[in-house]
Amino acid sequence: MKHLFFGGIHPKYNKEMSKTIPELRTIEPGCVVIPMSQHIGAPCVPLVKVGDRVKKGQKIGDGEGLCVPVHASVSGVVRAIEPRPHVKGAPVNAVVIENDFKNESVTMPIPGNDDEILHAIREAGIVGMGGAAFPGNVKALGAMGNVDTLIANGCECEPYITADDTLLRTSPKPVLEGMSLLRRLLDSKRTVLAVEDNKTEAIAELKKLLPEYPHIELAILPTRYPQGSEKQLIQAVTGRQVPPGQLPVKVGCAVFNVSTFAAICRAVTEGRALTERIVTVSGEAIAQPQNFIVPIGTSFHDLIEIAGGLHDKTERVISGGPMMGVAQSDLSVPVVKATNSVLCLLRDVNGAAENPVCLRCGKCVTVCPMRLQPLYMYRFTNAGRVDELNRMNLMDCMECGCCAFTCPGKLPLVETFRKGKQMVREAQKK
């Protein structure tokens, strides 16, 4: 049974733009920049030094605590270890590898039991590949014995992006195998692969294979943004609502992106570390929109050039989608594990006005999928009222951008809420 979540919007999706070239091309950059921080948690410490020769799949950084390792995505020579620009903004320590194009690689041991599977997921450097980049082994460990429903998120509701859709159209089997592995590990009673109904080709491919996986059910959901957000997806699939400030495990659910499941399959069955991913390069400002298999560490500049280059009137390049992505000021930033799209736009369709004014129309309230009150959160942030921001559960805002998209006054709502969250965090520290 399908359930509707509150709010949401129907933006122009523009997904056909990046599907005009059906075949997937693998990029071979001359140089990669591997950031030591590509996940939520502590950054890695480099395990190599300048001048070392490395092979694809070799661990080049690791750390303790909430941390997973990073690996060389090409074979070659380490040319530098230094701070480099990062998609999140501030420079991050990175290992720079010059590609020798020999493609020499190493693999990990194949695990034999559940403990070894968890270890393999960590050693492969697997994180959430839908954007959150939370360490996969930690998430799986927290779900063991605590969930009855495992959900594969294949909704990919952001406009323009077709990376997960392309994976499901071209290589669905690793996704289903990864789901089966994690289902056994978590001992979940129900295992669901959720996709939106606009992915007709992917649905057709999945239906061909699903008879081999009778324990996996396919949930075809109506297309609606932000369907792919974790809490909204749980409600759409199970009817359960995650309480404010809580995690999905609170309602017996665990959600992983379909690309994460495919990476788990390759780590457990082939001993392959996470060194590459599918990335959508799209938008009106790119000459040849399409999807690529991209080694981690490839620069946005190299990727854009391979896709035919930018239009002369390009206004912005975004890491991610137009709703929740981050605009980039430096195209030397590298693709990281959570990069699913490089979006090139001629204009900012969702930008704030020069003189934004709240019209008190209430549209932002009707579309907020978290049932928050954006117009008041905006006012209280500008007034510095941290007590009111806490009362209104500002920290539950997932910055999906539905409110900003529908606001006729073009208020900079998401940017303001980010400032408000920082105010709340600083007050908590005090």
Protein backbone atom coordinates (compact mmCIF):
# COMPACT_ATOMS: atom_id res chain seq x y z
CA MET A 1 0.00 0.00 0.00
CA LYS A 2 1.27 3.47 -0.94
CA HIS A 3 0.94 6.42 1.44
CA LEU A 4 1.17 10.11 0.64
CA PHE A 5 3.48 12.38 2.59
CA PHE A 6 2.44 15.93 3.42
CA GLY A 7 3.43 18.82 1.14
CA GLY A 8 5.87 18.52 -1.74
CA ILE A 9 6.00 20.08 -5.19
CA HIS A 10 6.10 19.16 -8.88
CA PRO A 11 8.97 21.10 -10.49
CA LYS A 12 9.95 20.68 -14.12
CA TYR A 13 12.13 17.56 -14.00
CA ASN A 14 14.19 17.84 -17.22
CA LYS A 15 15.45 14.27 -16.81
CA GLU A 16 15.28 13.31 -20.49
CA MET A 17 18.06 15.81 -21.17
CA SER A 18 20.81 13.51 -19.80
CA LYS A 19 19.36 10.29 -21.26
CA THR A 20 19.86 11.20 -24.92
CA ILE A 21 23.19 9.28 -24.95
CA PRO A 22 22.24 5.83 -23.59
CA GLU A 23 25.68 4.22 -23.38
CA LEU A 24 27.80 4.82 -20.27
CA ARG A 25 31.30 6.11 -20.89
CA THR A 26 34.10 5.64 -18.36
CA ILE A 27 36.26 8.72 -17.77
CA GLU A 28 40.07 8.41 -17.61
CA PRO A 29 41.44 11.65 -16.10
CA GLY A 30 45.15 12.47 -16.25
CA CYS A 31 45.13 13.40 -12.57
CA VAL A 32 42.83 12.82 -9.60
CA VAL A 33 42.54 14.73 -6.32
CA ILE A 34 41.30 12.43 -3.54
CA PRO A 35 39.97 14.42 -0.53
CA MET A 36 40.66 12.89 2.87
CA SER A 37 37.16 13.92 3.97
CA GLN A 38 34.31 12.48 1.90
CA HIS A 39 31.92 11.39 4.64
CA ILE A 40 30.17 12.52 7.80
CA GLY A 41 32.70 12.12 10.61
CA ALA A 42 36.43 12.44 11.18
CA PRO A 43 38.69 13.03 8.14
CA CYS A 44 41.21 10.40 7.09
CA VAL A 45 44.95 10.62 7.68
CA PRO A 46 47.04 10.01 4.52
CA LEU A 47 48.73 6.57 4.43
CA VAL A 48 51.00 7.44 1.50
CA LYS A 49 53.68 10.05 0.83
CA VAL A 50 54.72 12.10 -2.16
CA GLY A 51 56.53 9.93 -4.73
CA ASP A 52 54.78 6.67 -3.78
CA ARG A 53 53.38 4.50 -6.55
CA VAL A 54 49.79 3.40 -5.91
CA LYS A 55 47.35 1.02 -7.53
CA LYS A 56 43.63 1.47 -8.12
CA GLY A 57 41.75 0.31 -5.05
CA GLN A 58 44.73 0.78 -2.72
CA LYS A 59 43.88 2.37 0.63
CA ILE A 60 45.53 5.80 0.77
CA GLY A 61 43.80 7.29 3.83
CA ASP A 62 42.12 6.06 7.01
CA GLY A 63 41.28 7.15 10.55
CA GLU A 64 39.60 6.22 13.81
CA GLY A 65 36.13 6.81 15.20
CA LEU A 66 33.36 7.74 12.76
CA CYS A 67 35.58 7.37 9.71
CA VAL A 68 35.90 5.18 6.63
CA PRO A 69 38.97 4.87 4.39
CA VAL A 70 39.55 6.42 0.98
CA HIS A 71 41.25 4.67 -1.91
CA ALA A 72 43.18 5.49 -5.06
CA SER A 73 40.79 5.64 -8.01
CA VAL A 74 43.59 5.26 -10.60
CA SER A 75 47.07 3.74 -10.62
CA GLY A 76 50.00 6.13 -10.73
CA VAL A 77 52.30 8.33 -8.63
CA VAL A 78 51.43 10.53 -5.66
CA ARG A 79 52.45 14.05 -6.72
CA ALA A 80 51.20 16.06 -3.73
CA ILE A 81 49.45 15.89 -0.36
CA GLU A 82 48.00 19.29 0.40
CA PRO A 83 44.75 21.24 0.99
CA ARG A 84 42.67 21.46 -2.18
CA PRO A 85 39.22 22.98 -2.99
CA HIS A 86 36.25 20.82 -1.99
CA VAL A 87 32.61 20.76 -3.13
CA LYS A 88 31.48 21.70 0.41
CA GLY A 89 33.42 24.98 0.32
CA ALA A 90 36.47 25.02 2.59
CA PRO A 91 39.72 23.41 1.31
CA VAL A 92 40.32 19.84 2.46
CA ASN A 93 43.58 17.90 2.71
CA ALA A 94 43.87 15.71 -0.39
CA VAL A 95 46.15 13.19 -2.09
CA VAL A 96 46.95 14.14 -5.71
CA ILE A 97 47.69 11.17 -8.00
CA GLU A 98 49.06 11.40 -11.53
CA ASN A 99 47.43 8.68 -13.63
CA ASP A 100 49.86 6.31 -15.39
CA PHE A 101 46.96 4.75 -17.36
CA LYS A 102 48.24 1.24 -16.55
CA ASN A 103 45.05 0.56 -14.57
CA GLU A 104 46.87 -1.73 -12.13
CA SER A 105 44.51 -2.59 -9.28
CA VAL A 106 44.24 -4.41 -5.97
CA THR A 107 41.21 -6.04 -4.33
CA MET A 108 40.16 -6.84 -0.78
CA PRO A 109 39.57 -10.31 0.75
CA ILE A 110 36.10 -11.74 0.13
CA PRO A 111 34.17 -11.90 3.45
CA GLY A 112 32.83 -15.19 4.74
CA ASN A 113 30.49 -14.24 7.63
CA ASP A 114 28.37 -11.31 8.85
CA ASP A 115 31.14 -9.70 10.88
CA GLU A 116 33.45 -9.86 7.89
CA ILE A 117 30.73 -8.34 5.68
CA LEU A 118 30.46 -5.33 8.00
CA HIS A 119 34.24 -5.05 7.99
CA ALA A 120 34.33 -5.28 4.18
CA ILE A 121 31.73 -2.49 3.86
CA ARG A 122 33.95 -0.30 6.01
CA GLU A 123 37.22 -1.25 4.34
CA ALA A 124 35.70 -0.54 0.94
CA GLY A 125 35.03 3.03 2.07
CA ILE A 126 31.30 2.78 1.42
CA VAL A 127 29.14 5.73 2.44
CA GLY A 128 25.63 6.85 1.60
CA MET A 129 25.83 7.76 -2.08
CA GLY A 130 22.55 9.64 -2.27
CA GLY A 131 24.10 12.74 -0.74
CA ALA A 132 24.33 12.23 3.03
CA ALA A 133 27.65 10.29 2.89
CA PHE A 134 27.11 8.62 6.27
CA PRO A 135 29.47 5.63 6.81
CA GLY A 136 27.66 2.54 5.55
CA ASN A 137 29.00 0.07 8.11
CA VAL A 138 27.95 2.29 11.04
CA LYS A 139 24.44 2.69 9.63
CA ALA A 140 24.12 -1.06 9.04
CA LEU A 141 25.42 -1.87 12.53
CA GLY A 142 22.91 0.50 14.13
CA ALA A 143 20.08 -1.15 12.19
CA MET A 144 20.98 -4.75 13.07
CA GLY A 145 18.25 -6.20 15.27
CA ASN A 146 16.36 -2.89 15.31
CA VAL A 147 14.54 -2.76 11.97
CA ASP A 148 11.90 -4.84 10.24
CA THR A 149 11.88 -2.93 6.93
CA LEU A 150 14.83 -2.34 4.60
CA ILE A 151 14.23 0.22 1.83
CA ALA A 152 16.33 0.84 -1.28
CA ASN A 153 15.92 4.45 -2.36
CA GLY A 154 15.76 4.65 -6.15
CA CYS A 155 13.42 7.65 -6.32
CA GLU A 156 16.01 10.24 -7.40
CA CYS A 157 13.42 13.01 -7.18
CA GLU A 158 15.73 16.00 -7.85
CA PRO A 159 15.28 17.54 -11.32
CA TYR A 160 17.90 16.82 -14.02
CA ILE A 161 19.66 13.96 -12.14
CA THR A 162 19.50 10.47 -13.72
CA ALA A 163 22.53 8.74 -12.17
CA ASP A 164 20.53 6.22 -10.11
CA ASP A 165 18.03 5.80 -12.95
CA THR A 166 20.94 4.96 -15.26
CA LEU A 167 22.27 2.41 -12.76
CA LEU A 168 18.87 0.71 -12.57
CA ARG A 169 18.49 0.74 -16.36
CA THR A 170 21.97 -0.59 -17.16
CA SER A 171 23.11 -2.63 -14.11
CA PRO A 172 20.21 -3.46 -11.79
CA LYS A 173 21.56 -6.85 -10.65
CA PRO A 174 24.28 -5.49 -8.28
CA VAL A 175 21.57 -3.38 -6.61
CA LEU A 176 19.35 -6.43 -6.02
CA GLU A 177 22.32 -8.53 -4.87
CA GLY A 178 23.38 -5.79 -2.45
CA MET A 179 19.84 -5.63 -1.08
CA SER A 180 19.83 -9.39 -0.55
CA LEU A 181 23.15 -9.22 1.32
CA LEU A 182 22.02 -6.45 3.63
CA ARG A 183 18.62 -8.05 4.14
CA ARG A 184 20.34 -11.16 5.48
CA LEU A 185 22.67 -9.07 7.62
CA LEU A 186 19.85 -7.01 9.17
CA ASP A 187 17.34 -9.88 9.26
CA SER A 188 14.61 -7.58 7.95
CA LYS A 189 11.13 -9.01 7.40
CA ARG A 190 10.34 -6.69 4.49
CA THR A 191 12.70 -5.50 1.75
CA VAL A 192 11.45 -2.83 -0.66
CA LEU A 193 12.97 -1.19 -3.74
CA ALA A 194 11.21 2.15 -4.19
CA VAL A 195 11.24 4.06 -7.49
CA GLU A 196 9.12 6.86 -8.89
CA ASP A 197 6.77 6.09 -11.76
CA ASN A 198 8.67 8.36 -14.19
CA LYS A 199 11.47 5.75 -14.46
CA THR A 200 9.65 3.47 -16.89
CA GLU A 201 12.74 1.86 -18.45
CA ALA A 202 14.30 1.09 -15.07
CA ILE A 203 11.01 -0.38 -13.84
CA ALA A 204 10.85 -2.64 -16.89
CA GLU A 205 14.42 -3.91 -16.30
CA LEU A 206 13.73 -4.53 -12.62
CA LYS A 207 10.56 -6.49 -13.35
CA LYS A 208 12.59 -8.85 -15.56
CA LEU A 209 14.92 -9.70 -12.66
CA LEU A 210 12.62 -9.58 -9.64
CA PRO A 211 11.31 -13.16 -10.09
CA GLU A 212 14.84 -14.25 -9.08
CA TYR A 213 14.46 -12.24 -5.85
CA PRO A 214 11.06 -13.17 -4.37
CA HIS A 215 11.99 -11.55 -1.04
CA ILE A 216 12.27 -8.10 -2.69
CA GLU A 217 9.15 -6.09 -3.53
CA LEU A 218 9.03 -3.20 -5.98
CA ALA A 219 7.17 -0.09 -4.82
CA ILE A 220 6.32 2.24 -7.73
CA LEU A 221 5.52 5.62 -6.21
CA PRO A 222 3.90 8.69 -7.80
CA THR A 223 6.50 11.24 -8.92
CA ARG A 224 6.70 14.02 -6.38
CA TYR A 225 9.53 16.06 -4.86
CA PRO A 226 11.03 15.35 -2.27
CA GLN A 227 9.94 11.71 -2.45
CA GLY A 228 13.55 10.55 -2.14
CA SER A 229 14.07 12.22 1.22
CA GLU A 230 14.49 9.53 3.86
CA LYS A 231 11.58 10.41 6.16
CA GLN A 232 9.15 11.09 3.30
CA LEU A 233 10.11 7.81 1.60
CA ILE A 234 9.51 5.85 4.80
CA GLN A 235 6.06 7.37 5.11
CA ALA A 236 5.29 6.72 1.43
CA VAL A 237 6.32 3.04 1.67
CA THR A 238 5.20 2.07 5.20
CA GLY A 239 2.85 4.79 6.45
CA ARG A 240 5.12 5.31 9.46
CA GLN A 241 6.21 8.82 10.44
CA VAL A 242 9.65 9.39 11.95
CA PRO A 243 9.23 11.63 15.02
CA PRO A 244 10.96 15.05 15.10
CA GLY A 245 14.63 14.77 15.93
CA GLN A 246 14.64 10.97 15.54
CA LEU A 247 16.23 8.58 13.03
CA PRO A 248 14.49 5.97 10.81
CA VAL A 249 15.54 3.16 13.15
CA LYS A 250 13.06 4.65 15.66
CA VAL A 251 10.21 3.37 13.46
CA GLY A 252 11.95 0.13 12.48
CA CYS A 253 13.25 1.21 9.08
CA ALA A 254 16.62 1.49 7.36
CA VAL A 255 17.05 3.35 4.05
CA PHE A 256 20.04 3.07 1.70
CA ASN A 257 20.50 4.56 -1.77
CA VAL A 258 20.49 2.10 -4.69
CA SER A 259 24.04 3.11 -5.62
CA THR A 260 25.11 2.26 -2.07
CA PHE A 261 23.61 -1.22 -2.45
CA ALA A 262 25.51 -1.73 -5.71
CA ALA A 263 28.75 -0.65 -4.01
CA ILE A 264 28.08 -3.09 -1.14
CA CYS A 265 27.58 -5.91 -3.64
CA ARG A 266 30.86 -5.18 -5.41
CA ALA A 267 32.75 -4.92 -2.11
CA VAL A 268 31.40 -8.18 -0.68
CA THR A 269 31.37 -10.34 -3.83
CA GLU A 270 34.33 -8.91 -5.78
CA GLY A 271 36.50 -7.24 -3.13
CA ARG A 272 36.23 -3.87 -4.91
CA ALA A 273 36.63 -0.61 -2.97
CA LEU A 274 34.47 2.41 -3.77
CA THR A 275 36.66 4.20 -6.32
CA GLU A 276 34.15 5.33 -8.96
CA ARG A 277 30.49 6.20 -9.40
CA ILE A 278 27.93 7.25 -12.01
CA VAL A 279 27.64 11.03 -12.33
CA THR A 280 25.06 12.99 -14.32
CA VAL A 281 26.41 16.00 -16.22
CA SER A 282 23.38 18.01 -17.32
CA GLY A 283 21.70 21.38 -17.64
CA GLU A 284 20.96 23.89 -20.40
CA ALA A 285 24.53 25.21 -20.21
CA ILE A 286 26.31 21.93 -21.06
CA ALA A 287 26.88 20.95 -24.70
CA GLN A 288 26.32 17.16 -24.40
CA PRO A 289 24.33 16.20 -21.28
CA GLN A 290 24.88 12.56 -20.31
CA ASN A 291 25.95 10.14 -17.58
CA PHE A 292 29.52 8.95 -17.00
CA ILE A 293 31.31 6.39 -14.84
CA VAL A 294 33.69 8.73 -13.04
CA PRO A 295 36.76 7.91 -10.90
CA ILE A 296 36.57 9.61 -7.50
CA GLY A 297 38.81 12.68 -7.59
CA THR A 298 38.10 13.70 -11.20
CA SER A 299 37.75 17.49 -11.41
CA PHE A 300 34.50 19.14 -12.43
CA HIS A 301 36.48 20.97 -15.12
CA ASP A 302 37.67 17.72 -16.75
CA LEU A 303 34.18 16.23 -16.57
CA ILE A 304 32.58 19.30 -18.13
CA GLU A 305 35.15 19.39 -20.94
CA ILE A 306 34.48 15.72 -21.78
CA ALA A 307 30.76 16.57 -21.93
CA GLY A 308 31.43 19.20 -24.60
CA GLY A 309 32.12 22.26 -22.45
CA LEU A 310 30.04 25.11 -21.08
CA HIS A 311 27.81 27.62 -22.83
CA ASP A 312 29.25 31.16 -22.99
CA LYS A 313 26.41 32.50 -20.84
CA THR A 314 26.63 29.90 -18.06
CA GLU A 315 25.54 31.46 -14.79
CA ARG A 316 26.34 28.70 -12.33
CA VAL A 317 27.64 25.16 -11.88
CA ILE A 318 26.10 23.13 -9.07
CA SER A 319 27.24 19.98 -7.30
CA GLY A 320 23.97 18.06 -7.01
CA GLY A 321 20.54 19.15 -8.16
CA PRO A 322 18.88 22.57 -8.48
CA MET A 323 16.88 22.17 -5.26
CA MET A 324 19.48 21.00 -2.72
CA GLY A 325 22.79 21.27 -4.60
CA VAL A 326 25.71 23.54 -3.76
CA ALA A 327 26.89 26.18 -6.27
CA GLN A 328 30.62 25.99 -7.06
CA SER A 329 32.99 28.91 -7.51
CA ASP A 330 35.99 26.75 -8.51
CA LEU A 331 35.71 24.03 -11.17
CA SER A 332 38.90 22.35 -9.94
CA VAL A 333 36.82 20.75 -7.15
CA PRO A 334 36.80 16.94 -7.43
CA VAL A 335 33.99 14.44 -7.70
CA VAL A 336 33.57 12.78 -4.27
CA LYS A 337 31.66 9.67 -3.21
CA ALA A 338 28.39 11.55 -2.75
CA THR A 339 28.57 13.53 -6.03
CA ASN A 340 25.69 12.34 -8.18
CA SER A 341 25.47 15.32 -10.52
CA VAL A 342 27.30 18.28 -12.02
CA LEU A 343 24.56 20.67 -13.09
CA CYS A 344 25.30 23.57 -15.44
CA LEU A 345 22.66 26.29 -15.66
CA LEU A 346 22.20 29.39 -17.79
CA ARG A 347 20.26 31.11 -15.03
CA ASP A 348 19.30 30.58 -11.42
CA VAL A 349 15.65 29.53 -11.60
CA ASN A 350 15.19 29.35 -7.82
CA GLY A 351 17.22 32.39 -6.76
CA ALA A 352 16.05 35.07 -4.33
CA ALA A 353 14.86 38.48 -5.54
CA GLU A 354 16.92 41.63 -5.03
CA ASN A 355 14.29 43.00 -2.65
CA PRO A 356 12.45 39.94 -1.26
CA VAL A 357 9.18 40.55 0.57
CA CYS A 358 7.04 38.10 2.52
CA LEU A 359 3.48 38.32 1.18
CA ARG A 360 2.08 36.18 4.03
CA CYS A 361 0.42 33.94 1.47
CA GLY A 362 1.19 30.75 3.40
CA LYS A 363 2.28 28.77 0.34
CA CYS A 364 5.52 27.76 2.05
CA VAL A 365 3.50 26.14 4.86
CA THR A 366 1.38 24.09 2.46
CA VAL A 367 4.38 22.56 0.64
CA CYS A 368 6.78 21.92 3.55
CA PRO A 369 7.09 18.09 3.75
CA MET A 370 8.19 18.32 7.39
CA ARG A 371 5.04 20.28 8.39
CA LEU A 372 7.13 23.23 9.55
CA GLN A 373 6.22 26.93 9.31
CA PRO A 374 8.88 28.51 7.07
CA LEU A 375 7.46 32.06 7.17
CA TYR A 376 7.81 32.21 10.96
CA MET A 377 11.16 30.44 10.96
CA TYR A 378 12.36 33.13 8.54
CA ARG A 379 11.14 35.94 10.79
CA PHE A 380 12.56 34.44 13.99
CA THR A 381 15.94 33.76 12.40
CA ASN A 382 16.23 37.37 11.26
CA ALA A 383 15.17 38.48 14.75
CA GLY A 384 17.72 36.19 16.43
CA ARG A 385 15.01 34.37 18.44
CA VAL A 386 16.73 31.04 19.12
CA ASP A 387 14.06 30.08 21.68
CA GLU A 388 11.36 30.34 19.01
CA LEU A 389 13.47 28.48 16.45
CA ASN A 390 13.77 25.57 18.87
CA ARG A 391 10.03 25.68 19.57
CA MET A 392 9.36 25.49 15.83
CA ASN A 393 11.75 22.54 15.32
CA LEU A 394 14.00 24.40 12.87
CA MET A 395 16.60 21.61 13.10
CA ASP A 396 14.08 19.25 11.43
CA CYS A 397 14.30 21.36 8.24
CA MET A 398 16.02 19.23 5.59
CA GLU A 399 16.68 22.22 3.31
CA CYS A 400 14.76 20.64 0.43
CA GLY A 401 13.91 24.04 -1.04
CA CYS A 402 10.17 23.43 -1.53
CA CYS A 403 9.37 26.63 0.36
CA ALA A 404 11.80 28.76 -1.66
CA PHE A 405 10.55 27.22 -4.93
CA THR A 406 6.95 28.15 -4.25
CA CYS A 407 7.55 31.55 -2.57
CA PRO A 408 6.14 34.35 -4.79
CA GLY A 409 8.15 36.92 -2.82
CA LYS A 410 11.39 35.03 -3.60
CA LEU A 411 12.63 35.07 -0.01
CA PRO A 412 16.07 33.47 0.58
CA LEU A 413 14.45 30.90 2.86
CA VAL A 414 16.92 28.00 2.74
CA GLU A 415 19.96 30.26 3.17
CA THR A 416 18.25 31.92 6.13
CA PHE A 417 17.41 28.57 7.75
CA ARG A 418 21.04 27.51 7.46
CA LYS A 419 21.99 30.64 9.39
CA GLY A 420 19.29 29.86 11.93
CA LYS A 421 20.62 26.35 12.44
CA GLN A 422 24.07 27.74 13.09
CA MET A 423 22.57 30.09 15.69
CA VAL A 424 20.89 27.12 17.39
CA ARG A 425 24.13 25.10 17.42
CA GLU A 426 26.10 27.99 18.90
CA ALA A 427 23.47 28.48 21.60
CA GLN A 428 23.62 24.76 22.46
CA LYS A 429 27.41 24.97 22.85
CA LYS A 430 27.04 27.88 25.27
